[in-house]
Protein backbone atom coordinates (compact mmCIF):
# COMPACT_ATOMS: atom_id res chain seq x y z
CA MET A 1 122.23 63.52 -50.40
CA ASN A 2 124.21 60.54 -51.27
CA LEU A 3 124.73 58.59 -48.88
CA ILE A 4 126.30 55.17 -47.46
CA SER A 5 124.58 53.07 -45.80
CA LEU A 6 125.48 49.96 -42.97
CA HIS A 7 122.70 47.89 -41.21
CA ILE A 8 124.81 45.45 -39.18
CA ILE A 9 123.38 42.42 -37.34
CA GLN A 10 125.49 40.73 -34.28
CA THR A 11 125.97 39.10 -31.18
CA VAL A 12 126.80 40.75 -28.31
CA LEU A 13 127.53 40.43 -24.41
CA ILE A 14 124.08 42.43 -22.64
CA ASN A 15 126.61 44.70 -20.36
CA ASP A 16 128.31 45.36 -23.72
CA MET A 17 125.11 47.28 -25.02
CA ARG A 18 125.74 51.05 -25.22
CA ASN A 19 125.93 54.43 -27.58
CA ASP A 20 128.58 53.56 -29.81
CA GLU A 21 129.62 57.66 -30.36
CA GLU A 22 131.68 56.96 -27.12
CA LEU A 23 134.07 54.60 -29.11
CA ILE A 24 134.14 55.13 -32.31
CA LYS A 25 136.76 57.58 -33.33
CA VAL A 26 137.48 58.79 -37.27
CA ARG A 27 141.65 59.27 -37.48
CA ASP A 28 143.50 60.53 -40.56
CA THR A 29 146.63 61.93 -41.82
CA ASN A 30 144.92 65.70 -42.54
CA TYR A 31 141.97 65.00 -40.16
CA THR A 32 142.88 65.32 -36.39
CA GLU A 33 141.23 62.35 -34.15
CA GLN A 34 138.04 63.56 -32.59
CA SER A 35 134.96 61.05 -31.07
CA ILE A 36 132.20 61.42 -33.77
CA ALA A 37 129.78 63.90 -30.91
CA GLU A 38 132.82 66.34 -30.85
CA GLU A 39 132.35 66.72 -34.96
CA SER A 40 129.14 67.51 -34.80
CA ASP A 41 129.91 70.81 -31.91
CA PRO A 42 129.10 74.12 -32.78
CA GLU A 43 132.90 74.50 -31.21
CA TYR A 44 134.45 72.60 -34.11
CA GLY A 45 132.98 74.14 -36.60
CA ILE A 46 132.01 71.52 -37.99
CA GLU A 47 128.88 69.11 -39.00
CA SER A 48 128.75 65.35 -38.79
CA GLU A 49 128.66 63.00 -41.72
CA LEU A 50 128.34 60.23 -40.16
CA CYS A 51 124.52 59.35 -38.73
CA MET A 52 124.17 56.47 -36.10
CA SER A 53 121.09 54.49 -33.96
CA ASN A 54 122.26 52.98 -30.52
CA MET A 55 121.92 49.50 -30.67
CA VAL A 56 118.80 47.38 -30.07
CA SER A 57 117.89 43.48 -29.17
CA THR A 58 116.52 42.01 -32.51
CA HIS A 59 114.63 39.82 -29.76
CA ASN A 60 113.13 39.30 -26.09
CA ILE A 61 116.18 39.55 -23.68
CA THR A 62 116.66 39.33 -19.87
CA TYR A 63 120.53 40.37 -18.03
CA LYS A 64 120.49 36.63 -17.33
CA ASP A 65 120.90 35.21 -20.72
CA GLY A 66 124.14 36.61 -21.28
CA PHE A 67 124.48 37.72 -25.36
CA ALA A 68 121.58 39.43 -27.80
CA THR A 69 121.42 39.45 -30.76
CA THR A 70 121.31 43.25 -32.09
CA TYR A 71 120.56 45.64 -34.83
CA ARG A 72 122.52 49.11 -35.51
CA TYR A 73 122.41 51.51 -38.22
CA LEU A 74 124.59 53.91 -38.89
CA ALA A 75 125.01 56.14 -43.00
CA ILE A 76 127.92 58.10 -43.74
CA ASN A 77 126.78 61.57 -45.69
CA LEU A 78 129.31 61.32 -49.16
CA ASP A 79 128.47 65.18 -49.88
CA GLN A 80 128.97 66.07 -46.07
CA LEU A 81 131.67 64.27 -46.02
CA SER A 82 133.39 65.61 -48.99
CA GLU A 83 132.68 69.68 -47.46
CA ASN A 84 134.41 68.17 -44.66
CA LEU A 85 137.30 66.77 -46.23
CA LYS A 86 137.48 70.18 -48.29
CA GLY A 87 137.20 68.09 -51.53
CA GLN A 88 139.55 66.01 -50.95
CA ASN A 89 139.75 62.41 -52.35
CA TYR A 90 138.36 60.11 -49.34
CA ASP A 91 138.64 56.78 -50.76
CA GLU A 92 140.97 55.71 -48.29
CA TYR A 93 138.81 57.39 -45.20
CA LEU A 94 135.76 55.23 -46.21
CA ARG A 95 137.68 52.62 -46.65
CA LEU A 96 139.38 53.44 -43.09
CA LEU A 97 135.89 54.39 -41.64
CA ILE A 98 134.03 51.51 -43.35
CA LYS A 99 135.86 48.78 -42.11
CA ASN A 100 137.02 50.29 -38.41
CA ILE A 101 133.10 50.66 -38.06
CA LEU A 102 132.16 46.81 -38.73
CA THR A 103 135.99 45.58 -36.88
CA LEU A 104 134.84 47.60 -33.52
CA GLY A 105 133.06 44.19 -32.27
CA PRO A 106 130.29 45.14 -29.04
CA PRO A 107 129.95 49.15 -28.21
CA LYS A 108 131.59 48.48 -24.07
CA ASN A 109 134.84 45.95 -25.88
CA ASN A 110 137.04 45.78 -23.57
CA ILE A 111 139.94 44.02 -22.48
CA PHE A 112 137.75 41.57 -20.22
CA THR A 113 134.93 41.01 -23.14
CA CYS A 114 135.83 39.17 -26.51
CA THR A 115 135.42 41.35 -30.33
CA SER A 116 132.37 39.97 -32.28
CA HIS A 117 132.24 40.24 -35.61
CA PRO A 118 128.77 40.66 -37.60
CA SER A 119 127.16 37.85 -38.41
CA PHE A 120 125.80 39.80 -41.70
CA PHE A 121 125.52 43.95 -42.71
CA ASN A 122 123.88 45.15 -45.41
CA ILE A 123 125.62 48.05 -47.39
CA MET A 124 124.25 49.92 -49.90
CA VAL A 125 124.81 53.33 -51.87
CA TYR A 126 122.19 55.98 -52.29
CA GLU A 127 120.22 59.51 -53.13
CA GLY A 128 117.81 59.84 -50.48
CA GLN A 129 117.62 60.48 -46.66
CA PRO A 130 119.16 57.92 -44.33
CA CYS A 131 116.44 54.73 -43.39
CA THR A 132 116.88 52.57 -40.97
CA PHE A 133 114.68 48.87 -40.91
CA GLU A 134 114.84 49.17 -37.17
CA SER A 135 111.16 48.65 -37.90
CA ALA A 136 111.91 44.95 -38.74
CA PHE A 137 112.42 44.14 -35.51
CA GLU A 138 109.25 45.84 -34.03
CA GLU A 139 108.17 42.21 -33.28
CA ALA A 140 110.49 40.42 -31.28
CA ILE A 141 112.21 37.59 -33.46
CA LYS A 142 111.92 34.32 -32.61
CA PRO A 143 114.52 31.67 -32.56
CA SER A 144 115.02 29.00 -35.52
CA LYS A 145 117.16 26.13 -34.28
CA GLU A 146 120.54 27.89 -34.85
CA GLY A 147 119.11 30.64 -32.84
CA PHE A 148 117.93 34.34 -33.48
CA SER A 149 121.15 35.52 -36.30
CA LYS A 150 119.35 33.76 -38.80
CA PRO A 151 115.75 35.38 -37.98
CA SER A 152 117.23 38.55 -37.73
CA ILE A 153 119.35 38.61 -40.85
CA GLU A 154 115.97 37.24 -42.95
CA ALA A 155 113.62 39.91 -41.16
CA LEU A 156 116.40 42.32 -42.19
CA LYS A 157 116.57 41.30 -44.80
CA LYS A 158 112.61 41.17 -46.12
CA GLU A 159 112.52 45.43 -44.70
CA ARG A 160 115.97 46.62 -46.63
CA ASP A 161 113.88 44.51 -49.76
CA LYS A 162 109.83 46.83 -48.83
CA PHE A 163 112.99 50.20 -49.04
CA ILE A 164 114.53 49.46 -52.23
CA SER A 165 111.10 48.27 -54.43
CA SER A 166 109.35 51.64 -52.33
CA GLY A 167 111.20 53.25 -55.25
CA PHE A 168 111.71 56.20 -53.35
CA TYR A 169 115.42 55.65 -53.30
CA ASN A 170 117.73 55.49 -55.92
CA ILE A 171 120.17 52.82 -55.38
CA LYS A 172 123.31 52.92 -56.92
CA LEU A 173 124.39 49.71 -54.36
CA ASN A 174 123.08 47.46 -52.12
CA ILE A 175 125.38 44.65 -51.72
CA ASP A 176 124.81 42.00 -48.28
CA TRP A 177 127.52 40.54 -46.51
CA GLU A 178 127.84 36.72 -44.88
CA VAL A 179 130.86 35.20 -42.74
CA ASP A 180 132.36 33.83 -46.50
CA SER A 181 132.61 37.20 -48.32
CA ASN A 182 135.44 39.07 -48.12
CA VAL A 183 134.97 43.02 -46.50
CA ASN A 184 137.54 44.15 -48.83
CA ASP A 185 136.14 43.64 -51.71
CA ILE A 186 132.73 44.85 -50.69
CA ILE A 187 134.54 48.03 -49.66
CA ASN A 188 136.33 48.80 -52.78
CA GLN A 189 132.81 47.79 -54.24
CA VAL A 190 130.98 50.73 -52.40
CA ILE A 191 133.94 53.39 -53.44
CA GLU A 192 133.37 52.85 -56.80
CA ALA A 193 129.75 53.72 -56.21
CA SER A 194 130.27 56.21 -54.36
CA LYS A 195 131.63 57.99 -57.07
């Protein structure tokens, strides 16, 4: 299976944490707008190319805290995407999908809350099965002087490095994005590696 995986660290309002499926919409001129949940519905006869986990906090939280640093995981099955688009070139579709995933902000974002872009994300193109790095947060992250984001990013990188060194997967591309990088450049590299 050829995959693109995204591992995202983001700080959100606690009351904004819920299932991402309800928000993400896929739109393409040759592809009708459907929610991800609908795509996997046998009624449509289409198997979804997107696998995602719910957003989880990387540390202990209470509702009085107001914010949480979170981890979420998404994988795009390139083989299934190609089948769903009946072999059409999917470069522009991937560009829009990845950019929309990364710029959605918190899942319950509405007019009363602000958008919180990721602090960090790792994007990989590889052959293998979808693999989340949630185990990096099995033990709650302790804050540093800068808060929870930096130690959460470090824990994610450590777990990612274990995944890469395992030798079980053929890694074609592995890129970390932080605030000072241009997301369009990374998306172009992902599209090139996915061919």
